[in-house]
Amino acid sequence: MQSEKIEKIVDLAATLASKADDIDQVLVIYRLKEGVKDEEDATHGSLDNDLELRDSLWLVKAFEFWLQASALGLLKAKDDDK
């Protein structure tokens, strides 16, 4: 099971890398496993490509809107594009 989680993270990173020419801003939000702490003794954190705070906030709010719209059924499924 651990190797499956690692494989999914590696696949995600590879997908991101393959689209790097088209991507302007990246924000990765993560939570560490229970009992694991980072150097700052935090249980969660983020990685980005040198975003300013306002850009990070914009990405978070856009993602939050996407989640809410999806939960309400307001987004077309990818198959509906045709």
PDB file of N, CA and C in Angstrom:
ATOM      1  N   MET A   1       0.823  -1.190   0.000  1.00  0.00           N
ATOM      2  CA  MET A   1       0.000   0.000   0.000  1.00  0.00           C
ATOM      3  C   MET A   1       0.874   1.264   0.000  1.00  0.00           C
ATOM      4  N   GLN A   2       1.961   1.225   0.774  1.00  0.00           N
ATOM      5  CA  GLN A   2       2.864   2.378   0.819  1.00  0.00           C
ATOM      6  C   GLN A   2       3.438   2.652  -0.559  1.00  0.00           C
ATOM      7  N   SER A   3       3.824   1.598  -1.273  1.00  0.00           N
ATOM      8  CA  SER A   3       4.405   1.790  -2.601  1.00  0.00           C
ATOM      9  C   SER A   3       3.375   2.346  -3.577  1.00  0.00           C
ATOM     10  N   GLU A   4       2.093   2.013  -3.396  1.00  0.00           N
ATOM     11  CA  GLU A   4       1.040   2.570  -4.253  1.00  0.00           C
ATOM     12  C   GLU A   4       0.907   4.066  -4.037  1.00  0.00           C
ATOM     13  N   LYS A   5       0.982   4.513  -2.788  1.00  0.00           N
ATOM     14  CA  LYS A   5       0.908   5.941  -2.485  1.00  0.00           C
ATOM     15  C   LYS A   5       2.096   6.672  -3.087  1.00  0.00           C
ATOM     16  N   ILE A   6       3.269   6.088  -2.938  1.00  0.00           N
ATOM     17  CA  ILE A   6       4.474   6.705  -3.494  1.00  0.00           C
ATOM     18  C   ILE A   6       4.359   6.782  -5.008  1.00  0.00           C
ATOM     19  N   GLU A   7       3.882   5.702  -5.621  1.00  0.00           N
ATOM     20  CA  GLU A   7       3.742   5.669  -7.079  1.00  0.00           C
ATOM     21  C   GLU A   7       2.776   6.740  -7.567  1.00  0.00           C
ATOM     22  N   LYS A   8       1.674   6.958  -6.836  1.00  0.00           N
ATOM     23  CA  LYS A   8       0.712   7.995  -7.234  1.00  0.00           C
ATOM     24  C   LYS A   8       1.327   9.386  -7.146  1.00  0.00           C
ATOM     25  N   ILE A   9       2.130   9.631  -6.128  1.00  0.00           N
ATOM     26  CA  ILE A   9       2.780  10.928  -5.977  1.00  0.00           C
ATOM     27  C   ILE A   9       3.801  11.130  -7.093  1.00  0.00           C
ATOM     28  N   VAL A  10       4.556  10.094  -7.408  1.00  0.00           N
ATOM     29  CA  VAL A  10       5.544  10.180  -8.487  1.00  0.00           C
ATOM     30  C   VAL A  10       4.839  10.403  -9.823  1.00  0.00           C
ATOM     31  N   ASP A  11       3.717   9.707 -10.057  1.00  0.00           N
ATOM     32  CA  ASP A  11       2.943   9.902 -11.289  1.00  0.00           C
ATOM     33  C   ASP A  11       2.431  11.334 -11.392  1.00  0.00           C
ATOM     34  N   LEU A  12       1.961  11.867 -10.277  1.00  0.00           N
ATOM     35  CA  LEU A  12       1.477  13.246 -10.244  1.00  0.00           C
ATOM     36  C   LEU A  12       2.595  14.220 -10.588  1.00  0.00           C
ATOM     37  N   ALA A  13       3.768  14.004 -10.015  1.00  0.00           N
ATOM     38  CA  ALA A  13       4.916  14.865 -10.300  1.00  0.00           C
ATOM     39  C   ALA A  13       5.322  14.767 -11.772  1.00  0.00           C
ATOM     40  N   ALA A  14       5.261  13.563 -12.330  1.00  0.00           N
ATOM     41  CA  ALA A  14       5.612  13.374 -13.738  1.00  0.00           C
ATOM     42  C   ALA A  14       4.610  14.078 -14.643  1.00  0.00           C
ATOM     43  N   THR A  15       3.340  13.998 -14.305  1.00  0.00           N
ATOM     44  CA  THR A  15       2.309  14.689 -15.086  1.00  0.00           C
ATOM     45  C   THR A  15       2.537  16.191 -15.046  1.00  0.00           C
ATOM     46  N   LEU A  16       2.822  16.701 -13.878  1.00  0.00           N
ATOM     47  CA  LEU A  16       3.099  18.129 -13.728  1.00  0.00           C
ATOM     48  C   LEU A  16       4.323  18.526 -14.550  1.00  0.00           C
ATOM     49  N   ALA A  17       5.366  17.730 -14.481  1.00  0.00           N
ATOM     50  CA  ALA A  17       6.591  18.033 -15.230  1.00  0.00           C
ATOM     51  C   ALA A  17       6.333  18.011 -16.736  1.00  0.00           C
ATOM     52  N   SER A  18       5.483  17.108 -17.197  1.00  0.00           N
ATOM     53  CA  SER A  18       5.208  17.014 -18.636  1.00  0.00           C
ATOM     54  C   SER A  18       4.435  18.223 -19.147  1.00  0.00           C
ATOM     55  N   LYS A  19       3.755  18.935 -18.250  1.00  0.00           N
ATOM     56  CA  LYS A  19       2.973  20.115 -18.629  1.00  0.00           C
ATOM     57  C   LYS A  19       3.672  21.413 -18.236  1.00  0.00           C
ATOM     58  N   ALA A  20       4.927  21.329 -17.828  1.00  0.00           N
ATOM     59  CA  ALA A  20       5.638  22.482 -17.277  1.00  0.00           C
ATOM     60  C   ALA A  20       5.676  23.676 -18.220  1.00  0.00           C
ATOM     61  N   ASP A  21       5.779  23.439 -19.527  1.00  0.00           N
ATOM     62  CA  ASP A  21       5.825  24.549 -20.476  1.00  0.00           C
ATOM     63  C   ASP A  21       4.530  25.349 -20.504  1.00  0.00           C
ATOM     64  N   ASP A  22       3.415  24.716 -20.137  1.00  0.00           N
ATOM     65  CA  ASP A  22       2.105  25.360 -20.190  1.00  0.00           C
ATOM     66  C   ASP A  22       1.645  25.895 -18.835  1.00  0.00           C
ATOM     67  N   ILE A  23       2.352  25.567 -17.777  1.00  0.00           N
ATOM     68  CA  ILE A  23       1.914  25.933 -16.424  1.00  0.00           C
ATOM     69  C   ILE A  23       2.704  27.137 -15.933  1.00  0.00           C
ATOM     70  N   ASP A  24       1.976  28.131 -15.443  1.00  0.00           N
ATOM     71  CA  ASP A  24       2.588  29.365 -14.962  1.00  0.00           C
ATOM     72  C   ASP A  24       2.767  29.356 -13.446  1.00  0.00           C
ATOM     73  N   GLN A  25       1.756  28.872 -12.725  1.00  0.00           N
ATOM     74  CA  GLN A  25       1.802  28.898 -11.272  1.00  0.00           C
ATOM     75  C   GLN A  25       1.443  27.518 -10.726  1.00  0.00           C
ATOM     76  N   VAL A  26       2.203  27.090  -9.717  1.00  0.00           N
ATOM     77  CA  VAL A  26       1.981  25.786  -9.092  1.00  0.00           C
ATOM     78  C   VAL A  26       1.942  25.974  -7.588  1.00  0.00           C
ATOM     79  N   LEU A  27       0.934  25.398  -6.972  1.00  0.00           N
ATOM     80  CA  LEU A  27       0.822  25.385  -5.517  1.00  0.00           C
ATOM     81  C   LEU A  27       0.440  23.971  -5.103  1.00  0.00           C
ATOM     82  N   VAL A  28       1.292  23.336  -4.314  1.00  0.00           N
ATOM     83  CA  VAL A  28       1.040  21.990  -3.813  1.00  0.00           C
ATOM     84  C   VAL A  28       0.812  22.109  -2.314  1.00  0.00           C
ATOM     85  N   ILE A  29      -0.323  21.622  -1.863  1.00  0.00           N
ATOM     86  CA  ILE A  29      -0.654  21.645  -0.436  1.00  0.00           C
ATOM     87  C   ILE A  29      -0.601  20.202   0.049  1.00  0.00           C
ATOM     88  N   TYR A  30       0.068  19.973   1.179  1.00  0.00           N
ATOM     89  CA  TYR A  30       0.198  18.602   1.663  1.00  0.00           C
ATOM     90  C   TYR A  30       0.026  18.535   3.176  1.00  0.00           C
ATOM     91  N   ARG A  31      -0.295  17.328   3.631  1.00  0.00           N
ATOM     92  CA  ARG A  31      -0.373  17.042   5.063  1.00  0.00           C
ATOM     93  C   ARG A  31       0.519  15.841   5.328  1.00  0.00           C
ATOM     94  N   LEU A  32       1.363  15.943   6.343  1.00  0.00           N
ATOM     95  CA  LEU A  32       2.260  14.850   6.678  1.00  0.00           C
ATOM     96  C   LEU A  32       1.502  13.755   7.416  1.00  0.00           C
ATOM     97  N   LYS A  33       2.033  12.551   7.347  1.00  0.00           N
ATOM     98  CA  LYS A  33       1.439  11.432   8.065  1.00  0.00           C
ATOM     99  C   LYS A  33       1.465  11.724   9.560  1.00  0.00           C
ATOM    100  N   GLU A  34       0.556  11.105  10.287  1.00  0.00           N
ATOM    101  CA  GLU A  34       0.493  11.296  11.729  1.00  0.00           C
ATOM    102  C   GLU A  34       1.814  10.861  12.363  1.00  0.00           C
ATOM    103  N   GLY A  35       2.346  11.694  13.204  1.00  0.00           N
ATOM    104  CA  GLY A  35       3.592  11.388  13.882  1.00  0.00           C
ATOM    105  C   GLY A  35       4.833  11.868  13.155  1.00  0.00           C
ATOM    106  N   VAL A  36       4.688  12.322  11.899  1.00  0.00           N
ATOM    107  CA  VAL A  36       5.828  12.824  11.136  1.00  0.00           C
ATOM    108  C   VAL A  36       5.823  14.343  11.212  1.00  0.00           C
ATOM    109  N   LYS A  37       6.964  14.910  11.504  1.00  0.00           N
ATOM    110  CA  LYS A  37       7.088  16.367  11.570  1.00  0.00           C
ATOM    111  C   LYS A  37       8.210  16.799  10.635  1.00  0.00           C
ATOM    112  N   ASP A  38       8.082  17.998  10.082  1.00  0.00           N
ATOM    113  CA  ASP A  38       9.166  18.525   9.260  1.00  0.00           C
ATOM    114  C   ASP A  38      10.099  19.376  10.122  1.00  0.00           C
ATOM    115  N   GLU A  39      11.050  20.045   9.484  1.00  0.00           N
ATOM    116  CA  GLU A  39      12.032  20.821  10.227  1.00  0.00           C
ATOM    117  C   GLU A  39      11.400  21.914  11.080  1.00  0.00           C
ATOM    118  N   GLU A  40      10.258  22.422  10.655  1.00  0.00           N
ATOM    119  CA  GLU A  40       9.595  23.495  11.401  1.00  0.00           C
ATOM    120  C   GLU A  40       8.559  22.943  12.376  1.00  0.00           C
ATOM    121  N   ASP A  41       8.565  21.614  12.561  1.00  0.00           N
ATOM    122  CA  ASP A  41       7.644  20.943  13.478  1.00  0.00           C
ATOM    123  C   ASP A  41       6.186  21.149  13.076  1.00  0.00           C
ATOM    124  N   ALA A  42       5.939  21.222  11.769  1.00  0.00           N
ATOM    125  CA  ALA A  42       4.583  21.405  11.254  1.00  0.00           C
ATOM    126  C   ALA A  42       4.007  20.062  10.818  1.00  0.00           C
ATOM    127  N   THR A  43       2.705  19.970  10.752  1.00  0.00           N
ATOM    128  CA  THR A  43       2.043  18.752  10.287  1.00  0.00           C
ATOM    129  C   THR A  43       1.555  18.895   8.847  1.00  0.00           C
ATOM    130  N   HIS A  44       1.691  20.069   8.284  1.00  0.00           N
ATOM    131  CA  HIS A  44       1.254  20.314   6.910  1.00  0.00           C
ATOM    132  C   HIS A  44       2.103  21.441   6.322  1.00  0.00           C
ATOM    133  N   GLY A  45       1.958  21.632   5.026  1.00  0.00           N
ATOM    134  CA  GLY A  45       2.723  22.692   4.395  1.00  0.00           C
ATOM    135  C   GLY A  45       2.368  22.829   2.931  1.00  0.00           C
ATOM    136  N   SER A  46       3.177  23.574   2.222  1.00  0.00           N
ATOM    137  CA  SER A  46       2.947  23.776   0.802  1.00  0.00           C
ATOM    138  C   SER A  46       4.268  23.957   0.084  1.00  0.00           C
ATOM    139  N   LEU A  47       4.224  23.702  -1.213  1.00  0.00           N
ATOM    140  CA  LEU A  47       5.351  23.928  -2.106  1.00  0.00           C
ATOM    141  C   LEU A  47       4.833  24.768  -3.256  1.00  0.00           C
ATOM    142  N   ASP A  48       5.646  25.678  -3.756  1.00  0.00           N
ATOM    143  CA  ASP A  48       5.212  26.476  -4.899  1.00  0.00           C
ATOM    144  C   ASP A  48       6.418  26.895  -5.722  1.00  0.00           C
ATOM    145  N   ASN A  49       6.159  27.499  -6.860  1.00  0.00           N
ATOM    146  CA  ASN A  49       7.243  27.970  -7.726  1.00  0.00           C
ATOM    147  C   ASN A  49       7.418  29.475  -7.555  1.00  0.00           C
ATOM    148  N   ASP A  50       7.800  29.858  -6.333  1.00  0.00           N
ATOM    149  CA  ASP A  50       8.073  31.254  -5.970  1.00  0.00           C
ATOM    150  C   ASP A  50       6.884  32.176  -6.176  1.00  0.00           C
ATOM    151  N   LEU A  51       5.724  31.736  -5.704  1.00  0.00           N
ATOM    152  CA  LEU A  51       4.512  32.555  -5.805  1.00  0.00           C
ATOM    153  C   LEU A  51       4.510  33.633  -4.733  1.00  0.00           C
ATOM    154  N   GLU A  52       3.888  34.746  -5.055  1.00  0.00           N
ATOM    155  CA  GLU A  52       3.605  35.745  -4.035  1.00  0.00           C
ATOM    156  C   GLU A  52       2.355  35.293  -3.295  1.00  0.00           C
ATOM    157  N   LEU A  53       2.157  35.816  -2.121  1.00  0.00           N
ATOM    158  CA  LEU A  53       1.030  35.412  -1.298  1.00  0.00           C
ATOM    159  C   LEU A  53      -0.299  35.594  -2.034  1.00  0.00           C
ATOM    160  N   ARG A  54      -0.459  36.700  -2.739  1.00  0.00           N
ATOM    161  CA  ARG A  54      -1.732  36.958  -3.439  1.00  0.00           C
ATOM    162  C   ARG A  54      -1.991  35.908  -4.509  1.00  0.00           C
ATOM    163  N   ASP A  55      -0.916  35.427  -5.180  1.00  0.00           N
ATOM    164  CA  ASP A  55      -1.079  34.397  -6.200  1.00  0.00           C
ATOM    165  C   ASP A  55      -1.481  33.062  -5.579  1.00  0.00           C
ATOM    166  N   SER A  56      -0.885  32.733  -4.435  1.00  0.00           N
ATOM    167  CA  SER A  56      -1.259  31.512  -3.723  1.00  0.00           C
ATOM    168  C   SER A  56      -2.718  31.571  -3.292  1.00  0.00           C
ATOM    169  N   LEU A  57      -3.125  32.708  -2.756  1.00  0.00           N
ATOM    170  CA  LEU A  57      -4.509  32.875  -2.322  1.00  0.00           C
ATOM    171  C   LEU A  57      -5.461  32.750  -3.502  1.00  0.00           C
ATOM    172  N   TRP A  58      -5.113  33.334  -4.652  1.00  0.00           N
ATOM    173  CA  TRP A  58      -5.959  33.253  -5.835  1.00  0.00           C
ATOM    174  C   TRP A  58      -6.129  31.794  -6.255  1.00  0.00           C
ATOM    175  N   LEU A  59      -5.042  31.026  -6.258  1.00  0.00           N
ATOM    176  CA  LEU A  59      -5.125  29.613  -6.621  1.00  0.00           C
ATOM    177  C   LEU A  59      -5.990  28.829  -5.643  1.00  0.00           C
ATOM    178  N   VAL A  60      -5.828  29.104  -4.355  1.00  0.00           N
ATOM    179  CA  VAL A  60      -6.634  28.410  -3.340  1.00  0.00           C
ATOM    180  C   VAL A  60      -8.110  28.731  -3.520  1.00  0.00           C
ATOM    181  N   LYS A  61      -8.446  29.996  -3.724  1.00  0.00           N
ATOM    182  CA  LYS A  61      -9.849  30.395  -3.892  1.00  0.00           C
ATOM    183  C   LYS A  61     -10.430  29.825  -5.187  1.00  0.00           C
ATOM    184  N   ALA A  62      -9.637  29.792  -6.254  1.00  0.00           N
ATOM    185  CA  ALA A  62     -10.112  29.209  -7.514  1.00  0.00           C
ATOM    186  C   ALA A  62     -10.382  27.716  -7.336  1.00  0.00           C
ATOM    187  N   PHE A  63      -9.514  27.034  -6.614  1.00  0.00           N
ATOM    188  CA  PHE A  63      -9.704  25.604  -6.362  1.00  0.00           C
ATOM    189  C   PHE A  63     -10.932  25.382  -5.477  1.00  0.00           C
ATOM    190  N   GLU A  64     -11.099  26.229  -4.473  1.00  0.00           N
ATOM    191  CA  GLU A  64     -12.261  26.125  -3.593  1.00  0.00           C
ATOM    192  C   GLU A  64     -13.554  26.307  -4.397  1.00  0.00           C
ATOM    193  N   PHE A  65     -13.575  27.274  -5.305  1.00  0.00           N
ATOM    194  CA  PHE A  65     -14.745  27.487  -6.160  1.00  0.00           C
ATOM    195  C   PHE A  65     -15.002  26.256  -7.035  1.00  0.00           C
ATOM    196  N   TRP A  66     -13.940  25.695  -7.613  1.00  0.00           N
ATOM    197  CA  TRP A  66     -14.056  24.509  -8.457  1.00  0.00           C
ATOM    198  C   TRP A  66     -14.640  23.338  -7.661  1.00  0.00           C
ATOM    199  N   LEU A  67     -14.176  23.150  -6.418  1.00  0.00           N
ATOM    200  CA  LEU A  67     -14.699  22.076  -5.583  1.00  0.00           C
ATOM    201  C   LEU A  67     -16.183  22.270  -5.297  1.00  0.00           C
ATOM    202  N   GLN A  68     -16.563  23.492  -4.950  1.00  0.00           N
ATOM    203  CA  GLN A  68     -17.964  23.762  -4.647  1.00  0.00           C
ATOM    204  C   GLN A  68     -18.842  23.596  -5.882  1.00  0.00           C
ATOM    205  N   ALA A  69     -18.412  24.110  -7.005  1.00  0.00           N
ATOM    206  CA  ALA A  69     -19.172  23.978  -8.245  1.00  0.00           C
ATOM    207  C   ALA A  69     -19.309  22.515  -8.643  1.00  0.00           C
ATOM    208  N   SER A  70     -18.256  21.757  -8.452  1.00  0.00           N
ATOM    209  CA  SER A  70     -18.294  20.336  -8.764  1.00  0.00           C
ATOM    210  C   SER A  70     -19.271  19.600  -7.849  1.00  0.00           C
ATOM    211  N   ALA A  71     -19.227  19.923  -6.559  1.00  0.00           N
ATOM    212  CA  ALA A  71     -20.123  19.277  -5.595  1.00  0.00           C
ATOM    213  C   ALA A  71     -21.582  19.599  -5.885  1.00  0.00           C
ATOM    214  N   LEU A  72     -21.835  20.781  -6.438  1.00  0.00           N
ATOM    215  CA  LEU A  72     -23.201  21.184  -6.756  1.00  0.00           C
ATOM    216  C   LEU A  72     -23.649  20.710  -8.136  1.00  0.00           C
ATOM    217  N   GLY A  73     -22.756  20.046  -8.861  1.00  0.00           N
ATOM    218  CA  GLY A  73     -23.094  19.540 -10.186  1.00  0.00           C
ATOM    219  C   GLY A  73     -23.114  20.615 -11.258  1.00  0.00           C
ATOM    220  N   LEU A  74     -22.405  21.698 -11.052  1.00  0.00           N
ATOM    221  CA  LEU A  74     -22.412  22.806 -12.002  1.00  0.00           C
ATOM    222  C   LEU A  74     -21.350  22.674 -13.087  1.00  0.00           C
ATOM    223  N   LEU A  75     -20.479  21.703 -12.971  1.00  0.00           N
ATOM    224  CA  LEU A  75     -19.417  21.517 -13.956  1.00  0.00           C
ATOM    225  C   LEU A  75     -19.782  20.408 -14.921  1.00  0.00           C
ATOM    226  N   LYS A  76     -19.442  20.599 -16.181  1.00  0.00           N
ATOM    227  CA  LYS A  76     -19.660  19.554 -17.181  1.00  0.00           C
ATOM    228  C   LYS A  76     -18.636  18.461 -16.978  1.00  0.00           C
ATOM    229  N   ALA A  77     -19.065  17.234 -17.177  1.00  0.00           N
ATOM    230  CA  ALA A  77     -18.125  16.118 -17.168  1.00  0.00           C
ATOM    231  C   ALA A  77     -17.275  16.225 -18.430  1.00  0.00           C
ATOM    232  N   LYS A  78     -16.076  15.677 -18.413  1.00  0.00           N
ATOM    233  CA  LYS A  78     -15.191  15.771 -19.572  1.00  0.00           C
ATOM    234  C   LYS A  78     -15.826  15.157 -20.813  1.00  0.00           C
ATOM    235  N   ASP A  79     -16.657  14.128 -20.651  1.00  0.00           N
ATOM    236  CA  ASP A  79     -17.319  13.480 -21.784  1.00  0.00           C
ATOM    237  C   ASP A  79     -18.423  14.344 -22.378  1.00  0.00           C
ATOM    238  N   ASP A  80     -18.906  15.353 -21.630  1.00  0.00           N
ATOM    239  CA  ASP A  80     -19.975  16.223 -22.100  1.00  0.00           C
ATOM    240  C   ASP A  80     -19.484  17.284 -23.088  1.00  0.00           C
ATOM    241  N   ASP A  81     -18.168  17.401 -23.261  1.00  0.00           N
ATOM    242  CA  ASP A  81     -17.605  18.422 -24.152  1.00  0.00           C
ATOM    243  C   ASP A  81     -17.968  18.188 -25.606  1.00  0.00           C
ATOM    244  N   LYS A  82     -18.253  16.977 -25.968  1.00  0.00           N
ATOM    245  CA  LYS A  82     -18.460  16.620 -27.376  1.00  0.00           C
ATOM    246  C   LYS A  82     -19.777  17.092 -27.903  1.00  0.00           C
TER     247      LYS A  82
END
